[in-house]
Amino acid sequence: MNKRSIIQNTEEFVREKLEQEGTGHDWWHIVRVVETTKTIAEDEEADSFISVMAALLHDLIDDKLVEDKEEALHEVKNWLSSQQIVEHDQVHILNIIQTISFKDGNDHLTSIEAQVVQDADRLARCNRSYWHCKMFCICWSERKLNS
């Protein structure tokens, strides 16, 4: 299977899992992380396939979203195997999604791809907060003007 097909299949897999998620770790968060990952990976000359796959899958094992993190990790491992991804790449992707946690503040990442995805995830969160703040200010201003 070619890498483009694997990414498309993985997009569908993740979208199905997170489309109805209500904690802020929904499909649209993943889209923002993936798009930011693509830009940073290109700039940093990181492996785009590894980076994008990790960006797509990174929240599927988040303990805020799953009851059993080990079971979720097993499901991601099975997904990667089902896509016929070479073992070395599977290990790399799994390592990234297990070490980039925002809350753990892991600053000792072992690959450029992990650094790329961690930065993209953090930037996507900041960007979302920025837009929420901006929309609040706009709505508040309009309300004051119409009062």
C-alpha atoms as a PDB file:
ATOM      1  CA  MET A   1       0.000   0.000   0.000  1.00  0.00           C
ATOM      2  CA  ASN A   2       1.377   3.427  -0.825  1.00  0.00           C
ATOM      3  CA  LYS A   3       1.837   6.132   1.780  1.00  0.00           C
ATOM      4  CA  ARG A   4      -0.855   8.429   0.368  1.00  0.00           C
ATOM      5  CA  SER A   5      -3.440   5.624   0.653  1.00  0.00           C
ATOM      6  CA  ILE A   6      -2.318   4.824   4.191  1.00  0.00           C
ATOM      7  CA  ILE A   7      -2.723   8.462   5.208  1.00  0.00           C
ATOM      8  CA  GLN A   8      -6.176   8.652   3.591  1.00  0.00           C
ATOM      9  CA  ASN A   9      -7.264   5.434   5.324  1.00  0.00           C
ATOM     10  CA  THR A  10      -5.933   6.734   8.615  1.00  0.00           C
ATOM     11  CA  GLU A  11      -7.754  10.044   8.172  1.00  0.00           C
ATOM     12  CA  GLU A  12     -11.018   8.116   7.775  1.00  0.00           C
ATOM     13  CA  PHE A  13     -10.226   5.896  10.782  1.00  0.00           C
ATOM     14  CA  VAL A  14      -9.453   8.864  13.047  1.00  0.00           C
ATOM     15  CA  ARG A  15     -12.323  10.989  11.778  1.00  0.00           C
ATOM     16  CA  GLU A  16     -14.768   8.189  12.572  1.00  0.00           C
ATOM     17  CA  LYS A  17     -13.363   7.934  16.102  1.00  0.00           C
ATOM     18  CA  LEU A  18     -13.171  11.638  16.921  1.00  0.00           C
ATOM     19  CA  GLU A  19     -15.866  13.333  14.856  1.00  0.00           C
ATOM     20  CA  GLN A  20     -18.313  13.475  17.790  1.00  0.00           C
ATOM     21  CA  GLU A  21     -15.679  14.095  20.476  1.00  0.00           C
ATOM     22  CA  GLY A  22     -16.660  16.996  22.733  1.00  0.00           C
ATOM     23  CA  THR A  23     -13.510  17.668  24.781  1.00  0.00           C
ATOM     24  CA  GLY A  24     -11.685  19.804  22.222  1.00  0.00           C
ATOM     25  CA  HIS A  25      -9.746  16.801  20.943  1.00  0.00           C
ATOM     26  CA  ASP A  26     -12.143  16.379  18.050  1.00  0.00           C
ATOM     27  CA  TRP A  27     -11.568  15.782  14.344  1.00  0.00           C
ATOM     28  CA  TRP A  28     -11.049  19.493  13.650  1.00  0.00           C
ATOM     29  CA  HIS A  29      -8.260  19.645  16.222  1.00  0.00           C
ATOM     30  CA  ILE A  30      -6.587  16.776  14.359  1.00  0.00           C
ATOM     31  CA  VAL A  31      -6.996  18.644  11.062  1.00  0.00           C
ATOM     32  CA  ARG A  32      -5.286  21.722  12.559  1.00  0.00           C
ATOM     33  CA  VAL A  33      -2.453  19.594  13.976  1.00  0.00           C
ATOM     34  CA  VAL A  34      -1.924  17.758  10.681  1.00  0.00           C
ATOM     35  CA  GLU A  35      -1.835  20.944   8.621  1.00  0.00           C
ATOM     36  CA  THR A  36       0.609  22.564  11.031  1.00  0.00           C
ATOM     37  CA  THR A  37       2.666  19.357  11.089  1.00  0.00           C
ATOM     38  CA  LYS A  38       2.990  19.371   7.301  1.00  0.00           C
ATOM     39  CA  THR A  39       4.351  22.906   7.321  1.00  0.00           C
ATOM     40  CA  ILE A  40       6.810  22.355  10.156  1.00  0.00           C
ATOM     41  CA  ALA A  41       7.952  18.959   8.828  1.00  0.00           C
ATOM     42  CA  GLU A  42       8.803  20.493   5.471  1.00  0.00           C
ATOM     43  CA  ASP A  43      10.679  23.386   7.081  1.00  0.00           C
ATOM     44  CA  GLU A  44      12.596  21.056   9.409  1.00  0.00           C
ATOM     45  CA  GLU A  45      13.190  18.352   6.781  1.00  0.00           C
ATOM     46  CA  ALA A  46      11.455  15.763   8.966  1.00  0.00           C
ATOM     47  CA  ASP A  47       9.942  12.579   7.575  1.00  0.00           C
ATOM     48  CA  SER A  48       6.537  13.789   6.400  1.00  0.00           C
ATOM     49  CA  PHE A  49       4.856  10.378   6.450  1.00  0.00           C
ATOM     50  CA  ILE A  50       5.911   9.591  10.020  1.00  0.00           C
ATOM     51  CA  SER A  51       5.019  13.098  11.191  1.00  0.00           C
ATOM     52  CA  VAL A  52       1.574  13.153   9.577  1.00  0.00           C
ATOM     53  CA  MET A  53       0.702   9.650  10.776  1.00  0.00           C
ATOM     54  CA  ALA A  54       1.663  10.557  14.342  1.00  0.00           C
ATOM     55  CA  ALA A  55      -0.290  13.825  14.091  1.00  0.00           C
ATOM     56  CA  LEU A  56      -3.366  11.919  12.933  1.00  0.00           C
ATOM     57  CA  LEU A  57      -3.157   9.285  15.667  1.00  0.00           C
ATOM     58  CA  HIS A  58      -1.809  11.267  18.619  1.00  0.00           C
ATOM     59  CA  ASP A  59      -5.094  11.799  20.477  1.00  0.00           C
ATOM     60  CA  LEU A  60      -6.420   8.252  20.083  1.00  0.00           C
ATOM     61  CA  ILE A  61      -4.469   7.196  23.176  1.00  0.00           C
ATOM     62  CA  ASP A  62      -5.057  10.375  25.200  1.00  0.00           C
ATOM     63  CA  ASP A  63      -6.258   9.460  28.690  1.00  0.00           C
ATOM     64  CA  LYS A  64      -8.766  12.321  28.535  1.00  0.00           C
ATOM     65  CA  LEU A  65     -10.493  10.507  25.667  1.00  0.00           C
ATOM     66  CA  VAL A  66     -10.115   6.818  26.449  1.00  0.00           C
ATOM     67  CA  GLU A  67     -10.893   4.779  29.533  1.00  0.00           C
ATOM     68  CA  ASP A  68      -8.136   2.242  28.944  1.00  0.00           C
ATOM     69  CA  LYS A  69      -4.979   3.729  27.453  1.00  0.00           C
ATOM     70  CA  GLU A  70      -3.346   0.315  26.943  1.00  0.00           C
ATOM     71  CA  GLU A  71      -6.363  -0.966  25.049  1.00  0.00           C
ATOM     72  CA  ALA A  72      -6.362   2.182  22.909  1.00  0.00           C
ATOM     73  CA  LEU A  73      -2.650   1.763  22.214  1.00  0.00           C
ATOM     74  CA  HIS A  74      -3.267  -1.856  21.202  1.00  0.00           C
ATOM     75  CA  GLU A  75      -5.977  -0.684  18.794  1.00  0.00           C
ATOM     76  CA  VAL A  76      -3.583   1.842  17.209  1.00  0.00           C
ATOM     77  CA  LYS A  77      -0.902  -0.853  16.905  1.00  0.00           C
ATOM     78  CA  ASN A  78      -3.397  -3.124  15.158  1.00  0.00           C
ATOM     79  CA  TRP A  79      -4.382  -0.284  12.836  1.00  0.00           C
ATOM     80  CA  LEU A  80      -0.784   0.387  11.854  1.00  0.00           C
ATOM     81  CA  SER A  81      -0.212  -3.325  11.207  1.00  0.00           C
ATOM     82  CA  SER A  82      -3.383  -3.558   9.138  1.00  0.00           C
ATOM     83  CA  GLN A  83      -2.056  -0.778   6.908  1.00  0.00           C
ATOM     84  CA  GLN A  84       1.087  -2.821   6.211  1.00  0.00           C
ATOM     85  CA  ILE A  85       3.398  -0.150   7.573  1.00  0.00           C
ATOM     86  CA  VAL A  86       6.936  -1.438   8.052  1.00  0.00           C
ATOM     87  CA  GLU A  87       7.793  -2.338  11.635  1.00  0.00           C
ATOM     88  CA  HIS A  88      10.427   0.389  12.056  1.00  0.00           C
ATOM     89  CA  ASP A  89       7.929   3.078  11.047  1.00  0.00           C
ATOM     90  CA  GLN A  90       5.250   1.606  13.327  1.00  0.00           C
ATOM     91  CA  VAL A  91       7.634   1.777  16.283  1.00  0.00           C
ATOM     92  CA  HIS A  92       8.579   5.353  15.424  1.00  0.00           C
ATOM     93  CA  ILE A  93       4.934   6.485  15.161  1.00  0.00           C
ATOM     94  CA  LEU A  94       3.977   4.728  18.395  1.00  0.00           C
ATOM     95  CA  ASN A  95       6.954   6.255  20.196  1.00  0.00           C
ATOM     96  CA  ILE A  96       5.874   9.722  19.094  1.00  0.00           C
ATOM     97  CA  ILE A  97       2.256   9.414  20.168  1.00  0.00           C
ATOM     98  CA  GLN A  98       3.326   8.052  23.560  1.00  0.00           C
ATOM     99  CA  THR A  99       5.844  10.822  24.292  1.00  0.00           C
ATOM    100  CA  ILE A 100       4.415  14.120  23.035  1.00  0.00           C
ATOM    101  CA  SER A 101       1.858  14.591  25.781  1.00  0.00           C
ATOM    102  CA  PHE A 102       1.015  18.254  26.362  1.00  0.00           C
ATOM    103  CA  LYS A 103       0.340  17.771  30.064  1.00  0.00           C
ATOM    104  CA  ASP A 104       3.544  15.843  30.738  1.00  0.00           C
ATOM    105  CA  GLY A 105       5.655  18.599  29.167  1.00  0.00           C
ATOM    106  CA  ASN A 106       8.108  16.147  27.614  1.00  0.00           C
ATOM    107  CA  ASP A 107      10.957  18.296  26.301  1.00  0.00           C
ATOM    108  CA  HIS A 108      13.347  15.370  25.720  1.00  0.00           C
ATOM    109  CA  LEU A 109      11.961  13.944  22.520  1.00  0.00           C
ATOM    110  CA  THR A 110      14.098  11.502  20.596  1.00  0.00           C
ATOM    111  CA  SER A 111      13.342  12.496  17.000  1.00  0.00           C
ATOM    112  CA  ILE A 112      12.736  15.550  14.887  1.00  0.00           C
ATOM    113  CA  GLU A 113       9.357  14.076  13.921  1.00  0.00           C
ATOM    114  CA  ALA A 114       8.301  13.918  17.588  1.00  0.00           C
ATOM    115  CA  GLN A 115       9.368  17.535  18.039  1.00  0.00           C
ATOM    116  CA  VAL A 116       7.415  18.535  14.927  1.00  0.00           C
ATOM    117  CA  VAL A 117       4.185  16.875  16.086  1.00  0.00           C
ATOM    118  CA  GLN A 118       4.508  18.170  19.639  1.00  0.00           C
ATOM    119  CA  ASP A 119       5.019  21.723  18.370  1.00  0.00           C
ATOM    120  CA  ALA A 120       2.118  21.393  15.919  1.00  0.00           C
ATOM    121  CA  ASP A 121      -0.176  20.102  18.672  1.00  0.00           C
ATOM    122  CA  ARG A 122       0.744  22.962  20.981  1.00  0.00           C
ATOM    123  CA  LEU A 123       0.360  25.557  18.226  1.00  0.00           C
ATOM    124  CA  ALA A 124      -3.044  24.146  17.258  1.00  0.00           C
ATOM    125  CA  ARG A 125      -4.208  24.497  20.868  1.00  0.00           C
ATOM    126  CA  CYS A 126      -2.906  28.056  21.095  1.00  0.00           C
ATOM    127  CA  ASN A 127      -4.477  28.958  17.766  1.00  0.00           C
ATOM    128  CA  ARG A 128      -7.849  27.580  18.881  1.00  0.00           C
ATOM    129  CA  SER A 129      -7.677  29.543  22.126  1.00  0.00           C
ATOM    130  CA  TYR A 130      -6.676  32.676  20.229  1.00  0.00           C
ATOM    131  CA  TRP A 131      -9.688  32.418  17.914  1.00  0.00           C
ATOM    132  CA  HIS A 132     -12.071  31.709  20.798  1.00  0.00           C
ATOM    133  CA  CYS A 133     -10.746  34.783  22.583  1.00  0.00           C
ATOM    134  CA  LYS A 134     -10.983  36.895  19.435  1.00  0.00           C
ATOM    135  CA  MET A 135     -14.573  35.786  18.763  1.00  0.00           C
ATOM    136  CA  PHE A 136     -15.548  36.550  22.372  1.00  0.00           C
ATOM    137  CA  CYS A 137     -14.081  40.041  22.077  1.00  0.00           C
ATOM    138  CA  ILE A 138     -15.866  40.676  18.778  1.00  0.00           C
ATOM    139  CA  CYS A 139     -19.204  39.464  20.145  1.00  0.00           C
ATOM    140  CA  TRP A 140     -18.754  41.440  23.361  1.00  0.00           C
ATOM    141  CA  SER A 141     -17.889  44.589  21.379  1.00  0.00           C
ATOM    142  CA  GLU A 142     -20.923  44.195  19.135  1.00  0.00           C
ATOM    143  CA  ARG A 143     -23.165  43.665  22.138  1.00  0.00           C
ATOM    144  CA  LYS A 144     -21.814  46.835  23.782  1.00  0.00           C
ATOM    145  CA  LEU A 145     -22.365  48.816  20.570  1.00  0.00           C
ATOM    146  CA  ASN A 146     -25.931  47.543  20.249  1.00  0.00           C
ATOM    147  CA  SER A 147     -26.815  48.273  23.899  1.00  0.00           C
END
